[in-house]
Amino acid sequence: MTDDKPTRRDLMKPVHLLGWSFAAAVFAGFVTALSTGAFTDQGSDIVANAWRIAAIVAGIVFIVVVLSLALLLLVVDPQDVVKEHDKPVLAPDDDEQGEDGSAPEAGSAR
């Protein structure tokens, strides 16, 4: 049995990163186009402006989502993904407990 350790690239492949960003951009562009009147019969200049605004919003959303996901991926340690957690996440560590096994007081200094 091999001990595969995940890498950052395994956690989120670039295709997934771009796919999620593209999906968010398409959704934002469609909502913007709907709300600005791109599907109405009001005139070609209004419809053209609506599609132009929708494209700008979609581009902004694409860039923001790509950057946000990439920065969030930098926070994740790949080794923590496969590490088993056998205690509550918010429980104090063993070295933070007092001599009698109780948690330290809220106002006490370390």
C-alpha atoms as a PDB file:
ATOM      1  CA  MET A   1       0.000   0.000   0.000  1.00  0.00           C
ATOM      2  CA  THR A   2       1.461   3.373  -0.897  1.00  0.00           C
ATOM      3  CA  ASP A   3       1.326   6.353   1.434  1.00  0.00           C
ATOM      4  CA  ASP A   4       0.125   9.098  -0.895  1.00  0.00           C
ATOM      5  CA  LYS A   5       0.562  12.532   0.611  1.00  0.00           C
ATOM      6  CA  PRO A   6      -1.657  15.151  -1.030  1.00  0.00           C
ATOM      7  CA  THR A   7      -0.083  18.256  -2.444  1.00  0.00           C
ATOM      8  CA  ARG A   8      -1.649  21.651  -2.940  1.00  0.00           C
ATOM      9  CA  ARG A   9      -2.074  20.784  -6.592  1.00  0.00           C
ATOM     10  CA  ASP A  10      -3.990  17.628  -5.638  1.00  0.00           C
ATOM     11  CA  LEU A  11      -6.310  19.558  -3.341  1.00  0.00           C
ATOM     12  CA  MET A  12      -7.524  21.863  -6.062  1.00  0.00           C
ATOM     13  CA  LYS A  13      -6.359  21.327  -9.580  1.00  0.00           C
ATOM     14  CA  PRO A  14      -6.115  24.420 -11.795  1.00  0.00           C
ATOM     15  CA  VAL A  15      -8.964  23.127 -13.963  1.00  0.00           C
ATOM     16  CA  HIS A  16     -11.231  22.999 -10.899  1.00  0.00           C
ATOM     17  CA  LEU A  17     -10.151  26.477  -9.836  1.00  0.00           C
ATOM     18  CA  LEU A  18     -10.906  27.906 -13.263  1.00  0.00           C
ATOM     19  CA  GLY A  19     -14.123  25.881 -13.533  1.00  0.00           C
ATOM     20  CA  TRP A  20     -15.573  27.238 -10.288  1.00  0.00           C
ATOM     21  CA  SER A  21     -14.544  30.748 -11.279  1.00  0.00           C
ATOM     22  CA  PHE A  22     -16.121  30.400 -14.720  1.00  0.00           C
ATOM     23  CA  ALA A  23     -19.362  29.059 -13.226  1.00  0.00           C
ATOM     24  CA  ALA A  24     -19.556  31.980 -10.786  1.00  0.00           C
ATOM     25  CA  ALA A  25     -18.822  34.444 -13.600  1.00  0.00           C
ATOM     26  CA  VAL A  26     -21.516  32.973 -15.855  1.00  0.00           C
ATOM     27  CA  PHE A  27     -24.043  33.106 -13.024  1.00  0.00           C
ATOM     28  CA  ALA A  28     -23.174  36.715 -12.143  1.00  0.00           C
ATOM     29  CA  GLY A  29     -23.240  37.750 -15.797  1.00  0.00           C
ATOM     30  CA  PHE A  30     -26.609  36.093 -16.376  1.00  0.00           C
ATOM     31  CA  VAL A  31     -28.137  37.717 -13.293  1.00  0.00           C
ATOM     32  CA  THR A  32     -26.752  41.099 -14.343  1.00  0.00           C
ATOM     33  CA  ALA A  33     -28.051  40.678 -17.893  1.00  0.00           C
ATOM     34  CA  LEU A  34     -31.488  39.725 -16.586  1.00  0.00           C
ATOM     35  CA  SER A  35     -31.669  42.637 -14.171  1.00  0.00           C
ATOM     36  CA  THR A  36     -30.469  45.264 -16.650  1.00  0.00           C
ATOM     37  CA  GLY A  37     -32.937  44.307 -19.371  1.00  0.00           C
ATOM     38  CA  ALA A  38     -30.914  42.325 -21.881  1.00  0.00           C
ATOM     39  CA  PHE A  39     -33.924  40.144 -22.718  1.00  0.00           C
ATOM     40  CA  THR A  40     -36.387  42.960 -23.359  1.00  0.00           C
ATOM     41  CA  ASP A  41     -37.636  44.600 -26.565  1.00  0.00           C
ATOM     42  CA  GLN A  42     -36.741  48.163 -25.512  1.00  0.00           C
ATOM     43  CA  GLY A  43     -34.195  48.909 -28.184  1.00  0.00           C
ATOM     44  CA  SER A  44     -30.861  47.732 -29.449  1.00  0.00           C
ATOM     45  CA  ASP A  45     -28.769  50.283 -27.544  1.00  0.00           C
ATOM     46  CA  ILE A  46     -30.317  49.361 -24.182  1.00  0.00           C
ATOM     47  CA  VAL A  47     -29.829  45.655 -24.866  1.00  0.00           C
ATOM     48  CA  ALA A  48     -26.236  46.230 -26.017  1.00  0.00           C
ATOM     49  CA  ASN A  49     -25.456  48.242 -22.884  1.00  0.00           C
ATOM     50  CA  ALA A  50     -27.012  45.509 -20.726  1.00  0.00           C
ATOM     51  CA  TRP A  51     -24.804  42.839 -22.311  1.00  0.00           C
ATOM     52  CA  ARG A  52     -21.758  45.106 -21.992  1.00  0.00           C
ATOM     53  CA  ILE A  53     -22.393  45.608 -18.262  1.00  0.00           C
ATOM     54  CA  ALA A  54     -23.026  41.873 -17.845  1.00  0.00           C
ATOM     55  CA  ALA A  55     -19.671  41.066 -19.480  1.00  0.00           C
ATOM     56  CA  ILE A  56     -17.847  43.537 -17.225  1.00  0.00           C
ATOM     57  CA  VAL A  57     -19.480  42.101 -14.096  1.00  0.00           C
ATOM     58  CA  ALA A  58     -18.713  38.539 -15.227  1.00  0.00           C
ATOM     59  CA  GLY A  59     -15.051  39.433 -15.773  1.00  0.00           C
ATOM     60  CA  ILE A  60     -14.770  41.073 -12.363  1.00  0.00           C
ATOM     61  CA  VAL A  61     -16.427  38.095 -10.654  1.00  0.00           C
ATOM     62  CA  PHE A  62     -14.140  35.661 -12.485  1.00  0.00           C
ATOM     63  CA  ILE A  63     -11.002  37.468 -11.313  1.00  0.00           C
ATOM     64  CA  VAL A  64     -12.248  37.883  -7.732  1.00  0.00           C
ATOM     65  CA  VAL A  65     -13.208  34.203  -7.408  1.00  0.00           C
ATOM     66  CA  VAL A  66      -9.903  32.983  -8.885  1.00  0.00           C
ATOM     67  CA  LEU A  67      -7.909  35.153  -6.485  1.00  0.00           C
ATOM     68  CA  SER A  68     -10.068  34.286  -3.476  1.00  0.00           C
ATOM     69  CA  LEU A  69      -9.891  30.536  -4.051  1.00  0.00           C
ATOM     70  CA  ALA A  70      -6.157  30.666  -4.700  1.00  0.00           C
ATOM     71  CA  LEU A  71      -5.532  32.606  -1.488  1.00  0.00           C
ATOM     72  CA  LEU A  72      -7.769  30.255   0.503  1.00  0.00           C
ATOM     73  CA  LEU A  73      -5.813  27.288  -0.853  1.00  0.00           C
ATOM     74  CA  LEU A  74      -2.600  28.788   0.489  1.00  0.00           C
ATOM     75  CA  VAL A  75      -4.064  28.648   4.001  1.00  0.00           C
ATOM     76  CA  VAL A  76      -4.714  24.884   3.898  1.00  0.00           C
ATOM     77  CA  ASP A  77      -1.852  22.640   4.924  1.00  0.00           C
ATOM     78  CA  PRO A  78      -2.027  19.572   2.655  1.00  0.00           C
ATOM     79  CA  GLN A  79      -0.927  17.277   5.479  1.00  0.00           C
ATOM     80  CA  ASP A  80      -3.914  18.343   7.621  1.00  0.00           C
ATOM     81  CA  VAL A  81      -6.295  16.981   4.997  1.00  0.00           C
ATOM     82  CA  VAL A  82      -5.286  13.356   5.603  1.00  0.00           C
ATOM     83  CA  LYS A  83      -4.533  13.688   9.319  1.00  0.00           C
ATOM     84  CA  GLU A  84      -7.168  12.086  11.511  1.00  0.00           C
ATOM     85  CA  HIS A  85      -8.722  14.331  14.143  1.00  0.00           C
ATOM     86  CA  ASP A  86      -9.822  12.328  17.171  1.00  0.00           C
ATOM     87  CA  LYS A  87     -10.867  15.214  19.416  1.00  0.00           C
ATOM     88  CA  PRO A  88     -13.050  18.289  19.006  1.00  0.00           C
ATOM     89  CA  VAL A  89     -11.468  21.047  16.996  1.00  0.00           C
ATOM     90  CA  LEU A  90     -12.091  23.773  19.574  1.00  0.00           C
ATOM     91  CA  ALA A  91     -10.930  21.735  22.573  1.00  0.00           C
ATOM     92  CA  PRO A  92      -7.792  23.080  24.269  1.00  0.00           C
ATOM     93  CA  ASP A  93      -4.518  21.285  23.624  1.00  0.00           C
ATOM     94  CA  ASP A  94      -3.101  19.031  26.344  1.00  0.00           C
ATOM     95  CA  ASP A  95      -0.242  21.401  27.119  1.00  0.00           C
ATOM     96  CA  GLU A  96      -2.695  24.263  27.786  1.00  0.00           C
ATOM     97  CA  GLN A  97      -4.445  22.401  30.621  1.00  0.00           C
ATOM     98  CA  GLY A  98      -3.609  23.004  34.258  1.00  0.00           C
ATOM     99  CA  GLU A  99      -2.121  20.487  36.713  1.00  0.00           C
ATOM    100  CA  ASP A 100      -5.536  19.175  37.714  1.00  0.00           C
ATOM    101  CA  GLY A 101      -6.635  18.649  34.106  1.00  0.00           C
ATOM    102  CA  SER A 102      -8.921  21.674  33.963  1.00  0.00           C
ATOM    103  CA  ALA A 103      -8.826  24.287  31.278  1.00  0.00           C
ATOM    104  CA  PRO A 104      -6.974  27.514  32.064  1.00  0.00           C
ATOM    105  CA  GLU A 105      -8.956  30.496  33.268  1.00  0.00           C
ATOM    106  CA  ALA A 106     -10.014  33.058  30.701  1.00  0.00           C
ATOM    107  CA  GLY A 107      -8.076  35.943  32.264  1.00  0.00           C
ATOM    108  CA  SER A 108      -4.905  34.050  33.206  1.00  0.00           C
ATOM    109  CA  ALA A 109      -1.649  34.789  31.473  1.00  0.00           C
ATOM    110  CA  ARG A 110       0.368  32.026  29.844  1.00  0.00           C
END
